[in-house]
Amino acid sequence: MPSTTIADNFLLPGPTALAELVVFLLILFVFAKYIVPLINQKMAERQEMIRTQFAEAERARREAEAAAAQYREQLQAIRAEATRLREQAHEEGQRIIAEAKEQARREAERILRAAEEQIAAERARAVAAVRAELGSLAVELASRIVGESLGDVERQHRIIERFLTELEEQGRSPRVEQSREQVHH
Protein backbone atom coordinates (compact mmCIF):
# COMPACT_ATOMS: atom_id res chain seq x y z
CA MET A 1 0.00 0.00 0.00
CA PRO A 2 1.22 3.21 -0.74
CA SER A 3 2.16 5.41 1.96
CA THR A 4 0.19 8.63 2.30
CA THR A 5 1.67 11.75 3.48
CA ILE A 6 0.10 14.76 4.96
CA ALA A 7 0.63 16.67 1.77
CA ASP A 8 -1.22 14.08 -0.14
CA ASN A 9 -4.26 14.29 2.02
CA PHE A 10 -6.68 16.70 0.37
CA LEU A 11 -8.67 17.10 3.54
CA LEU A 12 -5.85 18.81 5.34
CA PRO A 13 -5.15 22.40 4.41
CA GLY A 14 -2.01 23.13 2.62
CA PRO A 15 0.04 26.32 2.53
CA THR A 16 -2.08 27.70 -0.33
CA ALA A 17 -5.20 27.02 1.57
CA LEU A 18 -3.84 28.85 4.56
CA ALA A 19 -2.96 31.84 2.37
CA GLU A 20 -6.43 31.77 0.89
CA LEU A 21 -7.90 31.62 4.36
CA VAL A 22 -5.84 34.61 5.48
CA VAL A 23 -6.83 36.62 2.42
CA PHE A 24 -10.46 35.62 2.92
CA LEU A 25 -10.37 36.68 6.57
CA LEU A 26 -8.65 39.91 5.62
CA ILE A 27 -11.36 40.64 3.02
CA LEU A 28 -14.00 39.68 5.57
CA PHE A 29 -12.42 42.03 8.09
CA VAL A 30 -12.31 44.89 5.57
CA PHE A 31 -15.94 44.23 4.68
CA ALA A 32 -16.95 44.04 8.34
CA LYS A 33 -14.93 47.08 9.35
CA TYR A 34 -15.55 49.47 6.46
CA ILE A 35 -18.16 48.28 3.95
CA VAL A 36 -20.86 46.71 6.14
CA PRO A 37 -21.10 49.75 8.47
CA LEU A 38 -21.31 51.99 5.41
CA ILE A 39 -24.03 49.78 3.91
CA ASN A 40 -25.84 49.67 7.29
CA GLN A 41 -25.62 53.47 7.55
CA LYS A 42 -26.96 53.92 4.01
CA MET A 43 -29.73 51.40 4.70
CA ALA A 44 -30.62 53.19 7.96
CA GLU A 45 -30.67 56.53 6.12
CA ARG A 46 -32.80 54.97 3.40
CA GLN A 47 -35.19 53.48 5.99
CA GLU A 48 -35.42 56.86 7.74
CA MET A 49 -36.07 58.58 4.41
CA ILE A 50 -38.81 56.03 3.62
CA ARG A 51 -40.34 56.54 7.09
CA THR A 52 -40.22 60.30 6.55
CA GLN A 53 -41.82 59.92 3.13
CA PHE A 54 -44.54 57.70 4.60
CA ALA A 55 -45.13 60.24 7.36
CA GLU A 56 -45.28 63.06 4.81
CA ALA A 57 -47.57 60.99 2.59
CA GLU A 58 -49.85 60.31 5.57
CA ARG A 59 -49.83 64.01 6.51
CA ALA A 60 -50.54 64.95 2.87
CA ARG A 61 -53.38 62.37 2.79
CA ARG A 62 -54.91 63.86 5.95
CA GLU A 63 -54.52 67.37 4.54
CA ALA A 64 -56.07 66.25 1.25
CA GLU A 65 -58.99 64.67 3.12
CA ALA A 66 -59.42 67.87 5.14
CA ALA A 67 -59.22 69.96 1.98
CA ALA A 68 -61.72 67.66 0.26
CA ALA A 69 -64.08 67.96 3.24
CA GLN A 70 -63.67 71.74 3.20
CA TYR A 71 -64.23 71.75 -0.58
CA ARG A 72 -67.43 69.72 -0.15
CA GLU A 73 -68.64 72.12 2.53
CA GLN A 74 -67.84 75.14 0.35
CA LEU A 75 -69.50 73.49 -2.64
CA GLN A 76 -72.59 72.80 -0.56
CA ALA A 77 -72.59 76.42 0.66
CA ILE A 78 -72.16 77.67 -2.91
CA ARG A 79 -75.02 75.47 -4.08
CA ALA A 80 -77.22 76.76 -1.26
CA GLU A 81 -76.26 80.34 -2.16
CA ALA A 82 -76.96 79.67 -5.85
CA THR A 83 -80.36 78.23 -4.96
CA ARG A 84 -81.11 81.24 -2.78
CA LEU A 85 -80.00 83.65 -5.52
CA ARG A 86 -82.04 81.77 -8.12
CA GLU A 87 -85.14 81.96 -5.90
CA GLN A 88 -84.45 85.63 -5.18
CA ALA A 89 -84.05 86.34 -8.91
CA HIS A 90 -87.30 84.49 -9.61
CA GLU A 91 -89.11 86.52 -6.95
CA GLU A 92 -87.55 89.73 -8.30
CA GLY A 93 -88.65 88.76 -11.81
CA GLN A 94 -92.20 88.11 -10.60
CA ARG A 95 -92.21 91.45 -8.81
CA ILE A 96 -90.92 93.27 -11.91
CA ILE A 97 -93.57 91.54 -14.05
CA ALA A 98 -96.29 92.51 -11.57
CA GLU A 99 -95.03 96.11 -11.51
CA ALA A 100 -94.90 96.22 -15.31
CA LYS A 101 -98.46 94.85 -15.54
CA GLU A 102 -99.68 97.38 -13.00
CA GLN A 103 -97.91 100.21 -14.81
CA ALA A 104 -99.34 99.03 -18.15
CA ARG A 105 -102.83 98.87 -16.60
CA ARG A 106 -102.47 102.42 -15.21
CA GLU A 107 -101.13 103.68 -18.54
CA ALA A 108 -104.04 102.02 -20.37
CA GLU A 109 -106.50 103.64 -17.96
CA ARG A 110 -104.83 107.01 -18.45
CA ILE A 111 -104.93 106.66 -22.23
CA LEU A 112 -108.58 105.55 -22.04
CA ARG A 113 -109.50 108.56 -19.87
CA ALA A 114 -107.62 110.90 -22.21
CA ALA A 115 -109.39 109.35 -25.21
CA GLU A 116 -112.76 109.67 -23.47
CA GLU A 117 -112.03 113.31 -22.64
CA GLN A 118 -110.91 113.96 -26.21
CA ILE A 119 -114.05 112.26 -27.55
CA ALA A 120 -116.20 114.32 -25.20
CA ALA A 121 -114.45 117.51 -26.31
CA GLU A 122 -114.80 116.56 -29.99
CA ARG A 123 -118.46 115.72 -29.42
CA ALA A 124 -119.05 119.07 -27.73
CA ARG A 125 -117.31 120.87 -30.61
CA ALA A 126 -119.32 118.87 -33.15
CA VAL A 127 -122.58 119.56 -31.33
CA ALA A 128 -121.72 123.25 -31.16
CA ALA A 129 -120.84 123.27 -34.85
CA VAL A 130 -124.03 121.39 -35.76
CA ARG A 131 -126.09 123.74 -33.60
CA ALA A 132 -124.54 126.80 -35.21
CA GLU A 133 -124.99 125.38 -38.70
CA LEU A 134 -128.49 124.17 -37.93
CA GLY A 135 -129.33 127.53 -36.39
CA SER A 136 -128.14 129.50 -39.38
CA LEU A 137 -129.94 127.14 -41.76
CA ALA A 138 -133.10 127.38 -39.67
CA VAL A 139 -132.92 131.17 -39.63
CA GLU A 140 -132.39 131.29 -43.36
CA LEU A 141 -135.21 128.82 -43.94
CA ALA A 142 -137.52 130.64 -41.58
CA SER A 143 -136.78 134.01 -43.14
CA ARG A 144 -137.55 132.58 -46.55
CA ILE A 145 -140.74 130.98 -45.33
CA VAL A 146 -141.96 133.88 -43.24
CA GLY A 147 -140.63 136.43 -45.56
CA GLU A 148 -139.30 138.68 -42.93
CA SER A 149 -135.80 139.47 -42.02
CA LEU A 150 -134.31 137.81 -39.03
CA GLY A 151 -131.23 139.99 -39.06
CA ASP A 152 -131.49 140.71 -35.37
CA VAL A 153 -128.90 138.43 -33.74
CA GLU A 154 -130.70 138.25 -30.44
CA ARG A 155 -133.91 137.23 -32.11
CA GLN A 156 -132.01 134.58 -34.09
CA HIS A 157 -130.61 133.06 -30.92
CA ARG A 158 -134.01 132.92 -29.27
CA ILE A 159 -135.58 131.28 -32.31
CA ILE A 160 -132.72 128.76 -32.64
CA GLU A 161 -132.87 127.81 -28.97
CA ARG A 162 -136.64 127.42 -29.09
CA PHE A 163 -136.35 125.30 -32.25
CA LEU A 164 -133.70 123.02 -30.75
CA THR A 165 -135.66 122.68 -27.52
CA GLU A 166 -138.77 121.68 -29.44
CA LEU A 167 -136.74 119.12 -31.36
CA GLU A 168 -135.38 117.59 -28.16
CA GLU A 169 -138.85 117.49 -26.59
CA GLN A 170 -140.36 115.68 -29.56
CA GLY A 171 -138.67 112.54 -28.32
CA ARG A 172 -135.82 112.62 -30.69
CA SER A 173 -137.11 111.36 -33.94
CA PRO A 174 -135.08 108.66 -35.76
CA ARG A 175 -133.67 111.23 -38.17
CA VAL A 176 -132.41 113.45 -35.33
CA GLU A 177 -131.04 110.38 -33.48
CA GLN A 178 -129.29 109.29 -36.64
CA SER A 179 -127.70 112.67 -37.14
CA ARG A 180 -126.63 112.74 -33.49
CA GLU A 181 -125.02 109.30 -33.82
CA GLN A 182 -123.13 110.48 -36.86
CA VAL A 183 -121.93 113.45 -34.88
CA HIS A 184 -120.72 111.10 -32.08
CA HIS A 185 -118.78 108.92 -34.47
C-alpha atoms as a PDB file:
ATOM      1  CA  MET A   1       0.000   0.000   0.000  1.00  0.00           C
ATOM      2  CA  PRO A   2       1.216   3.210  -0.743  1.00  0.00           C
ATOM      3  CA  SER A   3       2.159   5.411   1.964  1.00  0.00           C
ATOM      4  CA  THR A   4       0.192   8.629   2.302  1.00  0.00           C
ATOM      5  CA  THR A   5       1.668  11.753   3.481  1.00  0.00           C
ATOM      6  CA  ILE A   6       0.096  14.764   4.959  1.00  0.00           C
ATOM      7  CA  ALA A   7       0.632  16.674   1.770  1.00  0.00           C
ATOM      8  CA  ASP A   8      -1.223  14.079  -0.139  1.00  0.00           C
ATOM      9  CA  ASN A   9      -4.258  14.292   2.020  1.00  0.00           C
ATOM     10  CA  PHE A  10      -6.678  16.695   0.366  1.00  0.00           C
ATOM     11  CA  LEU A  11      -8.665  17.103   3.541  1.00  0.00           C
ATOM     12  CA  LEU A  12      -5.848  18.811   5.340  1.00  0.00           C
ATOM     13  CA  PRO A  13      -5.152  22.401   4.408  1.00  0.00           C
ATOM     14  CA  GLY A  14      -2.005  23.126   2.621  1.00  0.00           C
ATOM     15  CA  PRO A  15       0.040  26.323   2.532  1.00  0.00           C
ATOM     16  CA  THR A  16      -2.083  27.703  -0.328  1.00  0.00           C
ATOM     17  CA  ALA A  17      -5.199  27.016   1.567  1.00  0.00           C
ATOM     18  CA  LEU A  18      -3.845  28.846   4.559  1.00  0.00           C
ATOM     19  CA  ALA A  19      -2.961  31.837   2.370  1.00  0.00           C
ATOM     20  CA  GLU A  20      -6.427  31.771   0.886  1.00  0.00           C
ATOM     21  CA  LEU A  21      -7.901  31.622   4.357  1.00  0.00           C
ATOM     22  CA  VAL A  22      -5.844  34.611   5.484  1.00  0.00           C
ATOM     23  CA  VAL A  23      -6.829  36.615   2.421  1.00  0.00           C
ATOM     24  CA  PHE A  24     -10.461  35.622   2.918  1.00  0.00           C
ATOM     25  CA  LEU A  25     -10.366  36.681   6.574  1.00  0.00           C
ATOM     26  CA  LEU A  26      -8.653  39.908   5.616  1.00  0.00           C
ATOM     27  CA  ILE A  27     -11.360  40.637   3.022  1.00  0.00           C
ATOM     28  CA  LEU A  28     -14.001  39.677   5.568  1.00  0.00           C
ATOM     29  CA  PHE A  29     -12.416  42.034   8.094  1.00  0.00           C
ATOM     30  CA  VAL A  30     -12.309  44.890   5.574  1.00  0.00           C
ATOM     31  CA  PHE A  31     -15.944  44.227   4.678  1.00  0.00           C
ATOM     32  CA  ALA A  32     -16.946  44.040   8.340  1.00  0.00           C
ATOM     33  CA  LYS A  33     -14.926  47.082   9.355  1.00  0.00           C
ATOM     34  CA  TYR A  34     -15.554  49.471   6.460  1.00  0.00           C
ATOM     35  CA  ILE A  35     -18.158  48.283   3.954  1.00  0.00           C
ATOM     36  CA  VAL A  36     -20.857  46.706   6.142  1.00  0.00           C
ATOM     37  CA  PRO A  37     -21.104  49.752   8.475  1.00  0.00           C
ATOM     38  CA  LEU A  38     -21.306  51.986   5.409  1.00  0.00           C
ATOM     39  CA  ILE A  39     -24.026  49.778   3.910  1.00  0.00           C
ATOM     40  CA  ASN A  40     -25.840  49.667   7.287  1.00  0.00           C
ATOM     41  CA  GLN A  41     -25.615  53.465   7.547  1.00  0.00           C
ATOM     42  CA  LYS A  42     -26.955  53.921   4.014  1.00  0.00           C
ATOM     43  CA  MET A  43     -29.729  51.396   4.704  1.00  0.00           C
ATOM     44  CA  ALA A  44     -30.619  53.190   7.955  1.00  0.00           C
ATOM     45  CA  GLU A  45     -30.669  56.527   6.118  1.00  0.00           C
ATOM     46  CA  ARG A  46     -32.800  54.970   3.398  1.00  0.00           C
ATOM     47  CA  GLN A  47     -35.189  53.475   5.990  1.00  0.00           C
ATOM     48  CA  GLU A  48     -35.416  56.857   7.735  1.00  0.00           C
ATOM     49  CA  MET A  49     -36.069  58.582   4.411  1.00  0.00           C
ATOM     50  CA  ILE A  50     -38.806  56.034   3.618  1.00  0.00           C
ATOM     51  CA  ARG A  51     -40.339  56.539   7.090  1.00  0.00           C
ATOM     52  CA  THR A  52     -40.216  60.303   6.551  1.00  0.00           C
ATOM     53  CA  GLN A  53     -41.820  59.923   3.130  1.00  0.00           C
ATOM     54  CA  PHE A  54     -44.536  57.696   4.603  1.00  0.00           C
ATOM     55  CA  ALA A  55     -45.135  60.243   7.364  1.00  0.00           C
ATOM     56  CA  GLU A  56     -45.276  63.057   4.806  1.00  0.00           C
ATOM     57  CA  ALA A  57     -47.569  60.989   2.595  1.00  0.00           C
ATOM     58  CA  GLU A  58     -49.854  60.310   5.574  1.00  0.00           C
ATOM     59  CA  ARG A  59     -49.834  64.007   6.508  1.00  0.00           C
ATOM     60  CA  ALA A  60     -50.538  64.947   2.873  1.00  0.00           C
ATOM     61  CA  ARG A  61     -53.378  62.373   2.787  1.00  0.00           C
ATOM     62  CA  ARG A  62     -54.913  63.859   5.947  1.00  0.00           C
ATOM     63  CA  GLU A  63     -54.522  67.375   4.536  1.00  0.00           C
ATOM     64  CA  ALA A  64     -56.071  66.246   1.247  1.00  0.00           C
ATOM     65  CA  GLU A  65     -58.986  64.672   3.116  1.00  0.00           C
ATOM     66  CA  ALA A  66     -59.424  67.865   5.143  1.00  0.00           C
ATOM     67  CA  ALA A  67     -59.223  69.964   1.978  1.00  0.00           C
ATOM     68  CA  ALA A  68     -61.716  67.660   0.265  1.00  0.00           C
ATOM     69  CA  ALA A  69     -64.084  67.963   3.236  1.00  0.00           C
ATOM     70  CA  GLN A  70     -63.667  71.739   3.202  1.00  0.00           C
ATOM     71  CA  TYR A  71     -64.228  71.753  -0.583  1.00  0.00           C
ATOM     72  CA  ARG A  72     -67.433  69.721  -0.154  1.00  0.00           C
ATOM     73  CA  GLU A  73     -68.639  72.124   2.528  1.00  0.00           C
ATOM     74  CA  GLN A  74     -67.842  75.140   0.353  1.00  0.00           C
ATOM     75  CA  LEU A  75     -69.497  73.487  -2.638  1.00  0.00           C
ATOM     76  CA  GLN A  76     -72.590  72.804  -0.559  1.00  0.00           C
ATOM     77  CA  ALA A  77     -72.591  76.419   0.663  1.00  0.00           C
ATOM     78  CA  ILE A  78     -72.161  77.674  -2.910  1.00  0.00           C
ATOM     79  CA  ARG A  79     -75.024  75.474  -4.081  1.00  0.00           C
ATOM     80  CA  ALA A  80     -77.219  76.758  -1.263  1.00  0.00           C
ATOM     81  CA  GLU A  81     -76.261  80.345  -2.160  1.00  0.00           C
ATOM     82  CA  ALA A  82     -76.961  79.665  -5.852  1.00  0.00           C
ATOM     83  CA  THR A  83     -80.364  78.231  -4.961  1.00  0.00           C
ATOM     84  CA  ARG A  84     -81.114  81.238  -2.783  1.00  0.00           C
ATOM     85  CA  LEU A  85     -79.996  83.648  -5.524  1.00  0.00           C
ATOM     86  CA  ARG A  86     -82.044  81.766  -8.118  1.00  0.00           C
ATOM     87  CA  GLU A  87     -85.138  81.963  -5.895  1.00  0.00           C
ATOM     88  CA  GLN A  88     -84.455  85.627  -5.177  1.00  0.00           C
ATOM     89  CA  ALA A  89     -84.055  86.337  -8.910  1.00  0.00           C
ATOM     90  CA  HIS A  90     -87.303  84.486  -9.611  1.00  0.00           C
ATOM     91  CA  GLU A  91     -89.109  86.515  -6.952  1.00  0.00           C
ATOM     92  CA  GLU A  92     -87.553  89.729  -8.298  1.00  0.00           C
ATOM     93  CA  GLY A  93     -88.651  88.758 -11.811  1.00  0.00           C
ATOM     94  CA  GLN A  94     -92.197  88.109 -10.603  1.00  0.00           C
ATOM     95  CA  ARG A  95     -92.211  91.454  -8.810  1.00  0.00           C
ATOM     96  CA  ILE A  96     -90.925  93.271 -11.913  1.00  0.00           C
ATOM     97  CA  ILE A  97     -93.569  91.543 -14.052  1.00  0.00           C
ATOM     98  CA  ALA A  98     -96.292  92.508 -11.572  1.00  0.00           C
ATOM     99  CA  GLU A  99     -95.034  96.112 -11.513  1.00  0.00           C
ATOM    100  CA  ALA A 100     -94.902  96.216 -15.309  1.00  0.00           C
ATOM    101  CA  LYS A 101     -98.457  94.846 -15.535  1.00  0.00           C
ATOM    102  CA  GLU A 102     -99.683  97.381 -12.998  1.00  0.00           C
ATOM    103  CA  GLN A 103     -97.906 100.213 -14.814  1.00  0.00           C
ATOM    104  CA  ALA A 104     -99.337  99.033 -18.146  1.00  0.00           C
ATOM    105  CA  ARG A 105    -102.831  98.874 -16.598  1.00  0.00           C
ATOM    106  CA  ARG A 106    -102.465 102.422 -15.206  1.00  0.00           C
ATOM    107  CA  GLU A 107    -101.132 103.676 -18.544  1.00  0.00           C
ATOM    108  CA  ALA A 108    -104.038 102.016 -20.367  1.00  0.00           C
ATOM    109  CA  GLU A 109    -106.504 103.639 -17.955  1.00  0.00           C
ATOM    110  CA  ARG A 110    -104.826 107.012 -18.452  1.00  0.00           C
ATOM    111  CA  ILE A 111    -104.935 106.655 -22.232  1.00  0.00           C
ATOM    112  CA  LEU A 112    -108.580 105.554 -22.038  1.00  0.00           C
ATOM    113  CA  ARG A 113    -109.496 108.560 -19.866  1.00  0.00           C
ATOM    114  CA  ALA A 114    -107.622 110.897 -22.212  1.00  0.00           C
ATOM    115  CA  ALA A 115    -109.390 109.347 -25.206  1.00  0.00           C
ATOM    116  CA  GLU A 116    -112.764 109.668 -23.473  1.00  0.00           C
ATOM    117  CA  GLU A 117    -112.030 113.310 -22.642  1.00  0.00           C
ATOM    118  CA  GLN A 118    -110.908 113.961 -26.210  1.00  0.00           C
ATOM    119  CA  ILE A 119    -114.046 112.259 -27.554  1.00  0.00           C
ATOM    120  CA  ALA A 120    -116.201 114.320 -25.202  1.00  0.00           C
ATOM    121  CA  ALA A 121    -114.451 117.507 -26.308  1.00  0.00           C
ATOM    122  CA  GLU A 122    -114.799 116.558 -29.988  1.00  0.00           C
ATOM    123  CA  ARG A 123    -118.457 115.718 -29.420  1.00  0.00           C
ATOM    124  CA  ALA A 124    -119.046 119.068 -27.732  1.00  0.00           C
ATOM    125  CA  ARG A 125    -117.310 120.871 -30.609  1.00  0.00           C
ATOM    126  CA  ALA A 126    -119.318 118.869 -33.154  1.00  0.00           C
ATOM    127  CA  VAL A 127    -122.578 119.556 -31.334  1.00  0.00           C
ATOM    128  CA  ALA A 128    -121.721 123.247 -31.159  1.00  0.00           C
ATOM    129  CA  ALA A 129    -120.838 123.270 -34.846  1.00  0.00           C
ATOM    130  CA  VAL A 130    -124.035 121.395 -35.763  1.00  0.00           C
ATOM    131  CA  ARG A 131    -126.094 123.741 -33.596  1.00  0.00           C
ATOM    132  CA  ALA A 132    -124.540 126.799 -35.207  1.00  0.00           C
ATOM    133  CA  GLU A 133    -124.991 125.385 -38.699  1.00  0.00           C
ATOM    134  CA  LEU A 134    -128.488 124.173 -37.934  1.00  0.00           C
ATOM    135  CA  GLY A 135    -129.330 127.527 -36.386  1.00  0.00           C
ATOM    136  CA  SER A 136    -128.142 129.502 -39.379  1.00  0.00           C
ATOM    137  CA  LEU A 137    -129.945 127.135 -41.758  1.00  0.00           C
ATOM    138  CA  ALA A 138    -133.097 127.376 -39.674  1.00  0.00           C
ATOM    139  CA  VAL A 139    -132.919 131.168 -39.630  1.00  0.00           C
ATOM    140  CA  GLU A 140    -132.387 131.285 -43.356  1.00  0.00           C
ATOM    141  CA  LEU A 141    -135.209 128.817 -43.943  1.00  0.00           C
ATOM    142  CA  ALA A 142    -137.523 130.637 -41.582  1.00  0.00           C
ATOM    143  CA  SER A 143    -136.775 134.007 -43.137  1.00  0.00           C
ATOM    144  CA  ARG A 144    -137.550 132.576 -46.551  1.00  0.00           C
ATOM    145  CA  ILE A 145    -140.738 130.979 -45.326  1.00  0.00           C
ATOM    146  CA  VAL A 146    -141.957 133.880 -43.236  1.00  0.00           C
ATOM    147  CA  GLY A 147    -140.626 136.429 -45.563  1.00  0.00           C
ATOM    148  CA  GLU A 148    -139.302 138.680 -42.931  1.00  0.00           C
ATOM    149  CA  SER A 149    -135.796 139.473 -42.018  1.00  0.00           C
ATOM    150  CA  LEU A 150    -134.312 137.810 -39.029  1.00  0.00           C
ATOM    151  CA  GLY A 151    -131.226 139.987 -39.063  1.00  0.00           C
ATOM    152  CA  ASP A 152    -131.489 140.713 -35.374  1.00  0.00           C
ATOM    153  CA  VAL A 153    -128.901 138.431 -33.737  1.00  0.00           C
ATOM    154  CA  GLU A 154    -130.704 138.250 -30.440  1.00  0.00           C
ATOM    155  CA  ARG A 155    -133.912 137.229 -32.108  1.00  0.00           C
ATOM    156  CA  GLN A 156    -132.013 134.583 -34.093  1.00  0.00           C
ATOM    157  CA  HIS A 157    -130.607 133.057 -30.922  1.00  0.00           C
ATOM    158  CA  ARG A 158    -134.012 132.918 -29.272  1.00  0.00           C
ATOM    159  CA  ILE A 159    -135.579 131.278 -32.306  1.00  0.00           C
ATOM    160  CA  ILE A 160    -132.724 128.761 -32.639  1.00  0.00           C
ATOM    161  CA  GLU A 161    -132.868 127.813 -28.971  1.00  0.00           C
ATOM    162  CA  ARG A 162    -136.641 127.418 -29.090  1.00  0.00           C
ATOM    163  CA  PHE A 163    -136.353 125.298 -32.252  1.00  0.00           C
ATOM    164  CA  LEU A 164    -133.703 123.021 -30.747  1.00  0.00           C
ATOM    165  CA  THR A 165    -135.661 122.682 -27.517  1.00  0.00           C
ATOM    166  CA  GLU A 166    -138.767 121.677 -29.437  1.00  0.00           C
ATOM    167  CA  LEU A 167    -136.743 119.116 -31.359  1.00  0.00           C
ATOM    168  CA  GLU A 168    -135.378 117.594 -28.157  1.00  0.00           C
ATOM    169  CA  GLU A 169    -138.850 117.490 -26.591  1.00  0.00           C
ATOM    170  CA  GLN A 170    -140.363 115.678 -29.560  1.00  0.00           C
ATOM    171  CA  GLY A 171    -138.670 112.544 -28.320  1.00  0.00           C
ATOM    172  CA  ARG A 172    -135.823 112.623 -30.693  1.00  0.00           C
ATOM    173  CA  SER A 173    -137.112 111.361 -33.941  1.00  0.00           C
ATOM    174  CA  PRO A 174    -135.081 108.665 -35.762  1.00  0.00           C
ATOM    175  CA  ARG A 175    -133.665 111.228 -38.174  1.00  0.00           C
ATOM    176  CA  VAL A 176    -132.410 113.447 -35.328  1.00  0.00           C
ATOM    177  CA  GLU A 177    -131.041 110.385 -33.480  1.00  0.00           C
ATOM    178  CA  GLN A 178    -129.288 109.287 -36.644  1.00  0.00           C
ATOM    179  CA  SER A 179    -127.703 112.673 -37.141  1.00  0.00           C
ATOM    180  CA  ARG A 180    -126.630 112.744 -33.487  1.00  0.00           C
ATOM    181  CA  GLU A 181    -125.016 109.305 -33.819  1.00  0.00           C
ATOM    182  CA  GLN A 182    -123.130 110.475 -36.863  1.00  0.00           C
ATOM    183  CA  VAL A 183    -121.928 113.453 -34.877  1.00  0.00           C
ATOM    184  CA  HIS A 184    -120.716 111.103 -32.084  1.00  0.00           C
ATOM    185  CA  HIS A 185    -118.776 108.920 -34.473  1.00  0.00           C
END
